[in-house]
Amino acid sequence: MAAPPKISPIHGRGAAGNPGNRFEKTDYAVSEWDEPDDPSRDTVFLKDVTRSIITYNESPDVGFDASINPYRGCEHGCIYCFARPNHEYLGFSAGLDFESRILVKEDAPELLRSELMSPKWEPQPIAISGVTDAFQPIERRLGLTRRCLQVLVEFLNPVVIITKNELVTRDIDLLSTLARHNGAVVYVSVTTLDGNLAGELEPRASHPTRRLAAIEALTTAGVPTGVLVAPVIPGLTDHEMPNIIAAAAKAGAVTAGYVPLRLPYGVAPLFEEWLGLHVPLQKAKILGRIRELRGGKLNDPNFKSRMRAEGPYADHMRRLFEVSSRKSGMSSVKPVLTAEFFRRPGPAQLGLF
């Protein structure tokens, strides 16, 4: 019987392979004589034929109720991404498929305009990138997120953006318009300031220095901007929290937050594999620290604890965040958005678009 193929890191990808889908009853193994399509080589973009765009969140520990995601899957390839298991609902793997098989909602702007025009829509902030990053590389070419933002400007509907890509600065003109109506806030996610580590953890996201530059550009343009130290990986990046917050404050960030690492479903084995490939000597320590945060397991799905974790090490992390924020003059209070300026354009205005 042939030995299984050796797993090696893939340049430009977070995952090193395609584990089986937890919903599929059958799977196949690749032998040394097979020559299957290589998902590590090229990214494939597929049309998503969904007929709605606004989704509603029922989780009590998420800070928004409504969100839009023009893309499903994310080429950033962050190995720790909690959204990876969502790709399994589409028949794909949470591994390489998640970062190389991207579904594109081509009609997202038109669907958004239609849903905002509906009398059923109750004006409220809409989150962009609540699941996968709406400013991932393909957005530079397709511009779906920008067109969605143009729709939100039409209606003066407030928006919350979470991203780790400097491409968000392309849309400063739209975001500053919304910000003048208390209708925009951007959170830039920074996991580490170490460019080499970032290149392995989140291979196709913007370099940490470019994310800090994005914070500065947005703030200068009058767009309230915060930093999310997320995820905090115990034993690997947690010691960087003070420096990340200080650097973001220097760039102009007005608020900060953090989220300990979450490893739901298939993300845990993917992350374990990544540790073995990239930091094998630290693997046991990191996994041990994660279990300290998660009640002896690698993941805790409970709403009361999953976003903050529990135990002495979680308390240490919280105190480190509070002290770091206080020293940097950063607030953990989020900017307040308002939907009081919301308007539905008349037929004449809609004809311009």
Protein backbone atom coordinates (compact mmCIF):
# COMPACT_ATOMS: atom_id res chain seq x y z
CA MET A 1 0.00 0.00 0.00
CA ALA A 2 1.41 3.36 -1.03
CA ALA A 3 2.27 5.84 1.67
CA PRO A 4 0.05 8.95 1.80
CA PRO A 5 1.52 11.98 0.00
CA LYS A 6 3.68 14.20 2.15
CA ILE A 7 2.00 17.43 3.22
CA SER A 8 4.02 20.57 2.59
CA PRO A 9 3.26 24.30 2.86
CA ILE A 10 1.94 25.86 -0.36
CA HIS A 11 3.26 29.29 -1.25
CA GLY A 12 0.46 31.86 -1.21
CA ARG A 13 -2.03 29.56 0.52
CA GLY A 14 -2.99 29.13 4.14
CA ALA A 15 -4.17 25.53 3.98
CA ALA A 16 -1.93 22.75 2.73
CA GLY A 17 -4.67 20.43 1.49
CA ASN A 18 -8.36 19.70 1.09
CA PRO A 19 -9.76 17.65 3.99
CA GLY A 20 -13.06 15.86 3.50
CA ASN A 21 -16.40 17.63 3.73
CA ARG A 22 -18.23 16.73 6.96
CA PHE A 23 -21.54 16.59 5.06
CA GLU A 24 -20.38 14.30 2.27
CA LYS A 25 -20.76 10.53 2.64
CA THR A 26 -17.99 9.72 0.18
CA ASP A 27 -14.48 11.02 -0.25
CA TYR A 28 -11.49 10.15 -2.38
CA ALA A 29 -7.79 9.87 -1.74
CA VAL A 30 -5.18 11.07 -4.21
CA SER A 31 -2.49 8.58 -5.14
CA GLU A 32 0.91 9.36 -6.57
CA TRP A 33 -0.39 8.42 -10.05
CA ASP A 34 -3.37 10.78 -9.99
CA GLU A 35 -3.23 14.18 -11.66
CA PRO A 36 -6.28 16.05 -10.32
CA ASP A 37 -6.99 19.73 -10.73
CA ASP A 38 -4.65 21.54 -8.37
CA PRO A 39 -6.61 24.04 -6.23
CA SER A 40 -3.34 25.49 -4.95
CA ARG A 41 -2.35 26.77 -8.37
CA ASP A 42 -5.20 28.98 -9.55
CA THR A 43 -8.25 30.59 -8.01
CA VAL A 44 -11.56 29.78 -9.69
CA PHE A 45 -14.46 32.22 -9.50
CA LEU A 46 -17.97 30.80 -9.70
CA LYS A 47 -21.29 32.59 -10.10
CA ASP A 48 -23.48 32.64 -7.01
CA VAL A 49 -27.12 32.72 -8.10
CA THR A 50 -28.56 33.79 -4.75
CA ARG A 51 -31.61 36.04 -5.06
CA SER A 52 -31.18 37.90 -1.77
CA ILE A 53 -28.22 39.77 -0.29
CA ILE A 54 -29.05 41.00 3.23
CA THR A 55 -28.67 38.29 5.84
CA TYR A 56 -29.74 38.57 9.46
CA ASN A 57 -27.72 37.49 12.45
CA GLU A 58 -29.37 35.78 15.40
CA SER A 59 -26.22 35.33 17.51
CA PRO A 60 -26.42 37.44 20.68
CA ASP A 61 -22.65 37.99 20.83
CA VAL A 62 -22.23 39.57 17.38
CA GLY A 63 -22.41 43.34 17.24
CA PHE A 64 -24.73 43.70 14.24
CA ASP A 65 -28.05 42.32 13.05
CA ALA A 66 -27.84 42.73 9.26
CA SER A 67 -24.94 42.08 6.91
CA ILE A 68 -24.01 41.59 3.26
CA ASN A 69 -21.26 39.48 1.72
CA PRO A 70 -20.66 39.90 -2.03
CA TYR A 71 -18.34 36.87 -1.99
CA ARG A 72 -18.38 33.41 -0.42
CA GLY A 73 -14.96 31.97 0.28
CA CYS A 74 -11.93 34.22 0.66
CA GLU A 75 -8.65 34.31 -1.23
CA HIS A 76 -6.87 35.88 1.73
CA GLY A 77 -6.43 32.29 2.89
CA CYS A 78 -6.25 33.01 6.62
CA ILE A 79 -5.66 29.59 8.13
CA TYR A 80 -7.62 30.43 11.29
CA CYS A 81 -10.73 31.81 9.55
CA PHE A 82 -13.90 30.79 11.40
CA ALA A 83 -15.85 31.05 8.11
CA ARG A 84 -14.05 28.12 6.48
CA PRO A 85 -16.67 25.52 7.55
CA ASN A 86 -19.37 27.53 5.72
CA HIS A 87 -17.85 26.36 2.44
CA GLU A 88 -18.83 22.82 3.33
CA TYR A 89 -22.50 23.79 2.99
CA LEU A 90 -21.71 24.45 -0.68
CA GLY A 91 -20.17 21.02 -1.24
CA PHE A 92 -16.57 22.24 -0.99
CA SER A 93 -13.76 21.63 1.48
CA ALA A 94 -12.92 24.01 4.30
CA GLY A 95 -9.27 23.72 3.22
CA LEU A 96 -7.86 24.90 -0.09
CA ASP A 97 -11.33 25.06 -1.66
CA PHE A 98 -12.29 27.87 0.73
CA GLU A 99 -9.48 30.07 -0.55
CA SER A 100 -9.42 28.96 -4.20
CA ARG A 101 -13.08 28.40 -5.08
CA ILE A 102 -14.75 31.77 -4.62
CA LEU A 103 -18.45 32.30 -5.25
CA VAL A 104 -19.29 35.73 -6.64
CA LYS A 105 -22.66 37.41 -6.15
CA GLU A 106 -22.67 39.37 -9.40
CA ASP A 107 -26.08 40.93 -8.72
CA ALA A 108 -25.24 42.04 -5.17
CA PRO A 109 -25.61 45.82 -5.78
CA GLU A 110 -28.93 45.43 -7.60
CA LEU A 111 -30.26 43.04 -4.97
CA LEU A 112 -29.19 45.45 -2.22
CA ARG A 113 -30.96 48.38 -3.87
CA SER A 114 -34.14 46.34 -4.27
CA GLU A 115 -34.12 45.22 -0.63
CA LEU A 116 -33.49 48.74 0.68
CA MET A 117 -36.35 50.05 -1.44
CA SER A 118 -38.72 47.53 0.12
CA PRO A 119 -41.01 48.91 2.84
CA LYS A 120 -40.07 45.80 4.83
CA TRP A 121 -36.53 47.15 5.34
CA GLU A 122 -36.09 48.76 8.73
CA PRO A 123 -33.17 51.23 8.40
CA GLN A 124 -30.22 50.03 10.46
CA PRO A 125 -26.45 49.60 10.12
CA ILE A 126 -25.36 46.94 7.64
CA ALA A 127 -22.11 45.09 8.25
CA ILE A 128 -19.83 44.28 5.33
CA SER A 129 -17.30 41.45 5.73
CA GLY A 130 -19.01 39.94 8.73
CA VAL A 131 -18.07 36.54 7.32
CA THR A 132 -15.64 36.65 4.38
CA ASP A 133 -13.63 39.77 3.48
CA ALA A 134 -15.45 41.91 0.92
CA PHE A 135 -12.16 43.62 0.00
CA GLN A 136 -10.30 40.43 -0.92
CA PRO A 137 -8.11 40.59 -4.08
CA ILE A 138 -10.84 39.91 -6.68
CA GLU A 139 -12.71 43.02 -5.48
CA ARG A 140 -10.01 45.17 -7.10
CA ARG A 141 -11.17 43.88 -10.50
CA LEU A 142 -14.91 43.31 -9.97
CA GLY A 143 -15.77 46.26 -7.72
CA LEU A 144 -18.92 44.64 -6.29
CA THR A 145 -18.27 45.96 -2.79
CA ARG A 146 -17.75 49.48 -4.10
CA ARG A 147 -21.01 49.30 -6.03
CA CYS A 148 -22.77 48.11 -2.86
CA LEU A 149 -21.31 51.09 -1.00
CA GLN A 150 -22.60 53.38 -3.75
CA VAL A 151 -26.07 51.99 -3.08
CA LEU A 152 -25.70 52.61 0.65
CA VAL A 153 -24.70 56.21 -0.11
CA GLU A 154 -27.83 56.59 -2.29
CA PHE A 155 -29.95 55.62 0.70
CA LEU A 156 -27.65 57.08 3.37
CA ASN A 157 -27.86 53.72 5.11
CA PRO A 158 -25.10 53.30 7.73
CA VAL A 159 -22.38 50.69 7.28
CA VAL A 160 -19.85 48.87 9.47
CA ILE A 161 -16.85 47.42 7.63
CA ILE A 162 -14.40 44.82 8.91
CA THR A 163 -11.39 44.09 6.70
CA LYS A 164 -7.71 43.23 6.62
CA ASN A 165 -7.13 44.67 3.16
CA GLU A 166 -5.88 48.16 2.39
CA LEU A 167 -8.18 48.18 -0.65
CA VAL A 168 -10.81 49.69 1.63
CA THR A 169 -9.03 53.03 1.15
CA ARG A 170 -10.12 53.01 -2.51
CA ASP A 171 -13.63 53.82 -1.26
CA ILE A 172 -12.74 56.70 1.02
CA ASP A 173 -14.91 59.03 -1.08
CA LEU A 174 -18.02 56.98 -0.34
CA LEU A 175 -17.17 56.22 3.27
CA SER A 176 -16.44 59.86 4.08
CA THR A 177 -19.84 60.82 2.64
CA LEU A 178 -21.54 58.35 4.95
CA ALA A 179 -19.33 59.39 7.86
CA ARG A 180 -20.57 62.98 7.55
CA HIS A 181 -24.00 61.56 8.40
CA ASN A 182 -22.71 59.40 11.28
CA GLY A 183 -23.11 56.47 8.93
CA ALA A 184 -19.74 54.73 8.63
CA VAL A 185 -17.13 53.02 10.77
CA VAL A 186 -14.27 50.79 9.61
CA TYR A 187 -12.46 48.18 11.68
CA VAL A 188 -9.09 47.04 10.35
CA SER A 189 -8.06 43.62 11.61
CA VAL A 190 -4.41 43.24 12.61
CA THR A 191 -3.26 39.82 13.81
CA THR A 192 0.48 40.45 13.97
CA LEU A 193 2.99 43.16 13.09
CA ASP A 194 5.45 40.52 11.90
CA GLY A 195 5.24 40.58 8.11
CA ASN A 196 6.78 37.14 7.72
CA LEU A 197 4.36 35.55 10.15
CA ALA A 198 1.43 37.37 8.55
CA GLY A 199 2.51 36.02 5.19
CA GLU A 200 2.14 32.48 6.51
CA LEU A 201 -1.00 33.00 8.63
CA GLU A 202 -2.95 35.14 6.15
CA PRO A 203 -0.97 34.85 2.88
CA ARG A 204 -2.97 37.07 0.54
CA ALA A 205 -4.10 39.75 2.98
CA SER A 206 -2.40 43.15 3.07
CA HIS A 207 0.94 43.45 4.86
CA PRO A 208 0.51 44.75 8.44
CA THR A 209 2.22 48.06 7.57
CA ARG A 210 -0.31 48.61 4.78
CA ARG A 211 -3.19 47.97 7.18
CA LEU A 212 -1.82 50.59 9.54
CA ALA A 213 -1.49 52.95 6.58
CA ALA A 214 -5.13 52.28 5.77
CA ILE A 215 -6.12 53.26 9.32
CA GLU A 216 -4.22 56.52 8.92
CA ALA A 217 -5.75 57.29 5.51
CA LEU A 218 -9.30 56.60 6.67
CA THR A 219 -8.89 58.61 9.85
CA THR A 220 -7.40 61.55 7.95
CA ALA A 221 -10.45 61.48 5.66
CA GLY A 222 -12.79 61.72 8.64
CA VAL A 223 -13.92 58.10 8.70
CA PRO A 224 -14.02 56.72 12.27
CA THR A 225 -11.65 53.77 12.27
CA GLY A 226 -10.79 51.13 14.85
CA VAL A 227 -8.41 48.23 15.13
CA LEU A 228 -9.40 44.65 15.86
CA VAL A 229 -6.62 42.55 17.35
CA ALA A 230 -8.15 39.45 15.90
CA PRO A 231 -7.69 36.68 16.30
CA VAL A 232 -5.38 36.69 19.30
CA ILE A 233 -3.46 33.42 19.05
CA PRO A 234 -2.24 32.41 22.52
CA GLY A 235 1.39 31.44 22.59
CA LEU A 236 2.01 32.90 19.12
CA THR A 237 0.68 36.47 18.74
CA ASP A 238 -0.84 37.38 22.14
CA HIS A 239 2.36 39.12 23.27
CA GLU A 240 1.98 41.56 20.35
CA MET A 241 -1.29 43.05 21.59
CA PRO A 242 0.31 46.14 23.27
CA ASN A 243 2.38 46.95 20.18
CA ILE A 244 -0.52 46.46 17.78
CA ILE A 245 -2.77 48.76 19.79
CA ALA A 246 -0.03 51.37 20.18
CA ALA A 247 0.72 51.31 16.43
CA ALA A 248 -2.97 51.60 15.55
CA ALA A 249 -3.42 54.49 17.98
CA LYS A 250 -0.44 56.27 16.42
CA ALA A 251 -2.09 55.80 13.01
CA GLY A 252 -5.27 57.44 14.32
CA ALA A 253 -7.53 54.58 15.34
CA VAL A 254 -10.19 55.75 17.79
CA THR A 255 -11.28 52.42 19.21
CA ALA A 256 -9.99 48.88 19.67
CA GLY A 257 -11.30 45.39 20.23
CA TYR A 258 -9.97 41.86 20.36
CA VAL A 259 -11.20 38.30 19.82
CA PRO A 260 -9.36 35.18 21.02
CA LEU A 261 -8.79 32.49 18.41
CA ARG A 262 -11.83 30.38 17.53
CA LEU A 263 -11.47 27.00 15.83
CA PRO A 264 -14.94 25.69 14.90
CA TYR A 265 -15.46 22.36 13.13
CA GLY A 266 -12.80 21.68 10.47
CA VAL A 267 -10.73 24.77 11.29
CA ALA A 268 -9.14 23.03 14.29
CA PRO A 269 -7.42 20.23 12.33
CA LEU A 270 -6.40 22.69 9.61
CA PHE A 271 -4.81 24.95 12.21
CA GLU A 272 -3.10 22.02 13.92
CA GLU A 273 -1.63 20.99 10.56
CA TRP A 274 -0.47 24.57 9.93
CA LEU A 275 1.28 24.65 13.30
CA GLY A 276 3.12 21.44 12.48
CA LEU A 277 4.30 22.84 9.15
CA HIS A 278 5.25 26.37 10.20
CA VAL A 279 6.03 26.41 13.95
CA PRO A 280 6.44 22.76 14.98
CA LEU A 281 8.46 23.55 18.12
CA GLN A 282 5.70 25.83 19.42
CA LYS A 283 2.78 23.59 18.45
CA ALA A 284 2.26 21.87 21.80
CA LYS A 285 2.50 25.14 23.73
CA ILE A 286 0.03 26.93 21.47
CA LEU A 287 -2.52 24.12 21.54
CA GLY A 288 -2.17 23.91 25.32
CA ARG A 289 -2.87 27.63 25.67
CA ILE A 290 -5.91 27.37 23.40
CA ARG A 291 -7.29 24.59 25.58
CA GLU A 292 -6.75 26.80 28.65
CA LEU A 293 -9.05 29.35 27.03
CA ARG A 294 -11.63 26.86 25.81
CA GLY A 295 -12.35 24.61 28.78
CA GLY A 296 -9.88 21.92 27.78
CA LYS A 297 -11.00 21.82 24.14
CA LEU A 298 -9.85 23.55 20.96
CA ASN A 299 -13.18 25.28 20.47
CA ASP A 300 -16.00 26.60 22.60
CA PRO A 301 -19.24 27.31 20.67
CA ASN A 302 -21.14 28.83 23.62
CA PHE A 303 -22.44 32.32 22.99
CA LYS A 304 -21.53 33.50 26.50
CA SER A 305 -17.85 32.65 26.15
CA ARG A 306 -16.77 32.05 22.55
CA MET A 307 -15.88 35.68 21.83
CA ARG A 308 -13.93 36.28 25.05
CA ALA A 309 -12.94 32.80 26.28
CA GLU A 310 -12.78 31.79 29.97
CA GLY A 311 -10.27 30.98 32.67
CA PRO A 312 -7.14 32.59 34.15
CA TYR A 313 -5.41 32.97 30.80
CA ALA A 314 -8.50 34.66 29.35
CA ASP A 315 -8.46 37.06 32.33
CA HIS A 316 -4.79 37.79 31.63
CA MET A 317 -5.62 38.54 27.98
CA ARG A 318 -8.45 40.87 28.97
CA ARG A 319 -6.26 42.79 31.44
CA LEU A 320 -3.50 43.09 28.84
CA PHE A 321 -5.99 44.55 26.39
CA GLU A 322 -7.37 47.01 28.93
CA VAL A 323 -3.92 48.21 30.04
CA SER A 324 -2.67 48.48 26.46
CA SER A 325 -5.73 50.45 25.39
CA ARG A 326 -5.48 52.79 28.36
CA LYS A 327 -1.78 53.49 27.75
CA SER A 328 -2.46 54.23 24.08
CA GLY A 329 -5.45 56.45 24.82
CA MET A 330 -7.67 54.05 22.92
CA SER A 331 -11.32 53.47 23.75
CA SER A 332 -13.17 50.16 23.67
CA VAL A 333 -16.42 52.11 23.11
CA LYS A 334 -17.55 51.73 19.51
CA PRO A 335 -18.59 54.81 17.50
CA VAL A 336 -22.37 55.12 17.42
CA LEU A 337 -24.02 55.05 14.00
CA THR A 338 -27.43 56.47 13.18
CA ALA A 339 -30.00 55.61 10.52
CA GLU A 340 -31.91 58.85 11.00
CA PHE A 341 -30.71 60.16 7.61
CA PHE A 342 -31.97 57.11 5.70
CA ARG A 343 -33.92 57.97 2.56
CA ARG A 344 -35.44 56.09 -0.34
CA PRO A 345 -34.54 57.70 -3.66
CA GLY A 346 -37.38 58.60 -5.98
CA PRO A 347 -37.70 57.32 -9.58
CA ALA A 348 -35.69 60.27 -10.94
CA GLN A 349 -32.67 59.52 -8.74
CA LEU A 350 -32.81 55.78 -9.42
CA GLY A 351 -32.70 56.49 -13.14
CA LEU A 352 -29.21 57.96 -12.68
CA PHE A 353 -27.76 54.57 -11.67
